[in-house]
N, C-alpha and C. Protein backbone atom coordinates (compact mmCIF):
# COMPACT_ATOMS: atom_id res chain seq x y z
N UNK A 1 -43.61 -195.82 47.89
CA UNK A 1 -44.45 -197.38 47.37
C UNK A 1 -45.09 -197.89 48.46
N UNK A 2 -46.06 -197.48 48.23
CA UNK A 2 -47.38 -198.55 49.72
C UNK A 2 -46.20 -199.66 49.24
N UNK A 3 -47.13 -200.28 50.74
CA UNK A 3 -46.95 -201.87 51.76
C UNK A 3 -47.97 -202.68 50.49
N UNK A 4 -47.59 -203.80 49.73
CA UNK A 4 -49.50 -205.39 49.31
C UNK A 4 -50.45 -204.67 50.30
N UNK A 5 -49.37 -204.61 51.69
CA UNK A 5 -50.98 -204.84 52.85
C UNK A 5 -52.02 -203.75 52.54
N UNK A 6 -50.56 -203.00 52.74
CA UNK A 6 -51.77 -201.62 52.51
C UNK A 6 -53.06 -201.46 51.03
N UNK A 7 -52.03 -202.20 50.19
CA UNK A 7 -53.42 -202.03 48.82
C UNK A 7 -54.69 -203.26 48.90
N UNK A 8 -53.76 -204.73 49.80
CA UNK A 8 -54.82 -204.92 50.22
C UNK A 8 -55.37 -204.79 50.86
N UNK A 9 -55.52 -203.91 52.29
CA UNK A 9 -56.53 -203.14 52.86
C UNK A 9 -57.71 -202.16 52.99
N UNK A 10 -57.26 -201.44 51.38
CA UNK A 10 -58.01 -200.01 50.73
C UNK A 10 -59.00 -200.87 50.48
N UNK A 11 -60.02 -199.38 50.73
CA UNK A 11 -61.57 -200.24 50.68
C UNK A 11 -62.55 -199.36 49.53
N UNK A 12 -60.94 -198.53 48.61
CA UNK A 12 -61.25 -198.03 47.55
C UNK A 12 -61.33 -199.01 46.01
N UNK A 13 -60.51 -200.13 46.40
CA UNK A 13 -60.07 -200.29 44.91
C UNK A 13 -60.92 -202.10 45.87
N UNK A 14 -61.03 -202.33 44.29
CA UNK A 14 -62.44 -202.91 43.42
C UNK A 14 -61.15 -204.41 43.89
N UNK A 15 -61.64 -205.21 43.52
CA UNK A 15 -60.66 -207.10 43.60
C UNK A 15 -60.31 -206.77 42.53
N UNK A 16 -61.11 -207.03 40.70
CA UNK A 16 -60.37 -206.88 39.81
C UNK A 16 -59.47 -206.38 39.50
N UNK A 17 -59.58 -204.42 40.45
CA UNK A 17 -58.51 -203.62 39.51
C UNK A 17 -56.87 -203.72 40.82
N UNK A 18 -57.67 -203.75 41.80
CA UNK A 18 -56.04 -204.51 43.22
C UNK A 18 -55.94 -206.04 42.95
N UNK A 19 -56.09 -206.49 41.96
CA UNK A 19 -55.51 -208.12 41.49
C UNK A 19 -54.84 -207.46 41.16
N UNK A 20 -54.66 -206.51 39.79
CA UNK A 20 -54.33 -206.10 38.22
C UNK A 20 -53.09 -205.27 38.62
N UNK A 21 -53.29 -204.67 39.39
CA UNK A 21 -52.15 -203.55 40.54
C UNK A 21 -51.33 -204.86 41.70
N UNK A 22 -52.03 -205.30 42.44
CA UNK A 22 -50.50 -206.14 42.65
C UNK A 22 -49.84 -207.39 42.29
N UNK A 23 -50.71 -207.67 40.35
CA UNK A 23 -49.88 -209.08 39.65
C UNK A 23 -49.14 -207.17 39.37
N UNK A 24 -49.12 -206.83 38.60
CA UNK A 24 -47.95 -205.38 38.19
C UNK A 24 -47.04 -205.45 39.09
N UNK A 25 -48.23 -205.36 40.08
CA UNK A 25 -46.07 -204.83 40.48
C UNK A 25 -45.16 -205.14 41.28
N UNK A 26 -45.39 -206.35 41.22
CA UNK A 26 -44.97 -207.90 41.32
C UNK A 26 -44.08 -207.85 40.20
N UNK A 27 -45.07 -207.88 39.39
CA UNK A 27 -43.55 -208.16 37.66
C UNK A 27 -42.74 -206.28 37.97
N UNK A 28 -43.37 -205.71 37.69
CA UNK A 28 -41.78 -204.34 37.83
C UNK A 28 -40.87 -204.41 39.00
N UNK A 29 -41.27 -205.33 40.42
CA UNK A 29 -40.20 -205.53 41.30
C UNK A 29 -39.16 -206.52 40.59
N UNK A 30 -39.73 -207.26 40.32
CA UNK A 30 -39.11 -208.93 39.11
C UNK A 30 -38.02 -208.32 38.65
N UNK A 31 -38.32 -207.57 37.60
CA UNK A 31 -38.33 -207.80 36.88
C UNK A 31 -37.07 -206.60 36.74
N UNK A 32 -36.94 -205.31 37.69
CA UNK A 32 -36.78 -204.14 38.22
C UNK A 32 -35.22 -205.68 38.75
N UNK A 33 -35.12 -205.64 40.43
CA UNK A 33 -33.98 -207.00 40.93
C UNK A 33 -33.81 -207.65 39.97
N UNK A 34 -33.90 -208.65 39.04
CA UNK A 34 -33.04 -209.24 37.83
C UNK A 34 -32.79 -208.30 37.30
N UNK A 35 -32.59 -207.36 36.63
CA UNK A 35 -31.81 -205.68 36.07
C UNK A 35 -30.62 -205.65 37.22
N UNK A 36 -31.00 -205.72 37.87
CA UNK A 36 -30.32 -204.83 39.48
C UNK A 36 -29.39 -206.48 39.59
N UNK A 37 -29.52 -207.51 39.52
CA UNK A 37 -29.01 -208.71 39.71
C UNK A 37 -27.77 -209.21 38.41
N UNK A 38 -27.71 -208.53 37.33
CA UNK A 38 -26.51 -208.18 36.32
C UNK A 38 -27.68 -209.03 35.41
N UNK A 39 -28.93 -209.85 35.42
CA UNK A 39 -29.66 -210.80 34.37
C UNK A 39 -30.49 -209.39 32.99
N UNK A 40 -30.19 -209.53 32.09
CA UNK A 40 -30.39 -209.43 30.47
C UNK A 40 -32.00 -209.37 30.76
N UNK A 41 -32.81 -208.04 31.03
CA UNK A 41 -34.17 -208.33 31.76
C UNK A 41 -35.66 -208.92 29.92
N UNK A 42 -34.84 -208.59 29.20
CA UNK A 42 -35.82 -209.22 27.86
C UNK A 42 -36.24 -210.44 27.74
N UNK A 43 -35.16 -211.02 28.43
CA UNK A 43 -35.23 -213.33 28.93
C UNK A 43 -36.79 -212.81 29.94
N UNK A 44 -36.47 -211.99 30.50
CA UNK A 44 -38.00 -212.32 31.66
C UNK A 44 -38.90 -211.37 31.37
N UNK A 45 -38.97 -211.08 30.88
CA UNK A 45 -40.20 -209.87 30.39
C UNK A 45 -40.60 -210.89 28.38
N UNK A 46 -40.03 -211.56 28.62
CA UNK A 46 -41.52 -213.38 27.61
C UNK A 46 -41.28 -213.66 28.09
N UNK A 47 -41.62 -213.78 29.54
CA UNK A 47 -41.87 -215.18 30.40
C UNK A 47 -43.46 -215.25 30.86
N UNK A 48 -43.91 -215.39 31.04
CA UNK A 48 -45.10 -215.90 31.47
C UNK A 48 -44.98 -216.33 32.47
N UNK A 49 -46.30 -215.57 32.35
CA UNK A 49 -47.09 -215.37 34.31
C UNK A 49 -48.36 -215.57 34.02
N UNK A 50 -48.85 -216.71 35.09
CA UNK A 50 -49.87 -217.60 35.74
C UNK A 50 -50.54 -217.12 36.81
N UNK A 51 -51.47 -216.96 36.63
CA UNK A 51 -52.39 -216.13 38.64
C UNK A 51 -53.48 -216.71 38.51
N UNK A 52 -53.78 -216.78 40.09
CA UNK A 52 -55.39 -217.37 40.61
C UNK A 52 -56.54 -215.60 40.03
N UNK A 53 -57.24 -216.09 39.68
CA UNK A 53 -58.20 -214.84 39.34
C UNK A 53 -58.94 -214.48 40.68
N UNK A 54 -59.40 -213.14 40.81
CA UNK A 54 -60.34 -213.58 42.06
C UNK A 54 -62.01 -213.99 41.62
N UNK A 55 -62.68 -214.67 40.57
CA UNK A 55 -63.05 -215.31 40.98
C UNK A 55 -63.47 -216.59 40.68
N UNK A 56 -62.01 -216.78 40.37
CA UNK A 56 -60.84 -218.60 41.17
C UNK A 56 -61.05 -219.57 39.81
N UNK A 57 -60.27 -218.41 38.22
CA UNK A 57 -60.20 -219.19 37.38
C UNK A 57 -58.61 -218.42 37.39
N UNK A 58 -57.77 -218.44 36.78
CA UNK A 58 -56.33 -218.17 35.40
C UNK A 58 -56.73 -217.72 34.92
N UNK A 59 -55.68 -216.40 35.25
CA UNK A 59 -55.24 -215.49 33.90
C UNK A 59 -53.76 -215.35 33.34
N UNK A 60 -52.82 -216.05 32.47
CA UNK A 60 -51.83 -216.07 31.99
C UNK A 60 -51.40 -213.83 30.96
N UNK A 61 -50.50 -213.69 31.52
CA UNK A 61 -50.00 -212.94 30.57
C UNK A 61 -48.22 -213.02 30.68
N UNK A 62 -47.63 -211.98 29.31
CA UNK A 62 -46.22 -212.46 29.16
C UNK A 62 -45.55 -211.11 30.10
N UNK A 63 -45.22 -211.23 31.60
CA UNK A 63 -44.27 -209.70 32.60
C UNK A 63 -44.00 -209.27 32.07
N UNK A 64 -43.70 -208.43 31.11
CA UNK A 64 -43.01 -207.35 30.21
C UNK A 64 -44.27 -206.69 29.76
N UNK A 65 -45.64 -207.56 29.15
CA UNK A 65 -46.54 -206.27 29.45
C UNK A 65 -47.88 -206.25 30.61
N UNK A 66 -46.92 -207.22 31.62
CA UNK A 66 -47.48 -206.73 32.67
C UNK A 66 -47.75 -205.90 33.35
N UNK A 67 -45.97 -206.05 33.06
CA UNK A 67 -44.84 -204.81 33.90
C UNK A 67 -45.28 -203.19 33.16
N UNK A 68 -46.23 -203.30 32.90
CA UNK A 68 -45.90 -202.23 31.51
C UNK A 68 -47.55 -201.57 31.91
N UNK A 69 -48.35 -201.25 32.00
CA UNK A 69 -49.15 -201.50 32.28
C UNK A 69 -49.42 -199.86 33.07
C-alpha cells in the first residue's frame, strides 16, 4: 500500500481524482480497523462522511459506498 504522502506528491493525479482516492482509502482503512476491533462494520458503513472538496465546497457520502469505489 502506498503512503498518503506519496499519493499527495504524485504528479499524474489530478486534484479531484487524488481527493477521491484519499477519501476512499481512509474510509476503507477505517472500516477494516473497526471490524478488527470487534465492531460490526455495517454500522460504520451506514455513517455519513462530510469532507472539503478541492474547490472549497463540501461533499457528503456514506462511508460504505465511498469505501467500495
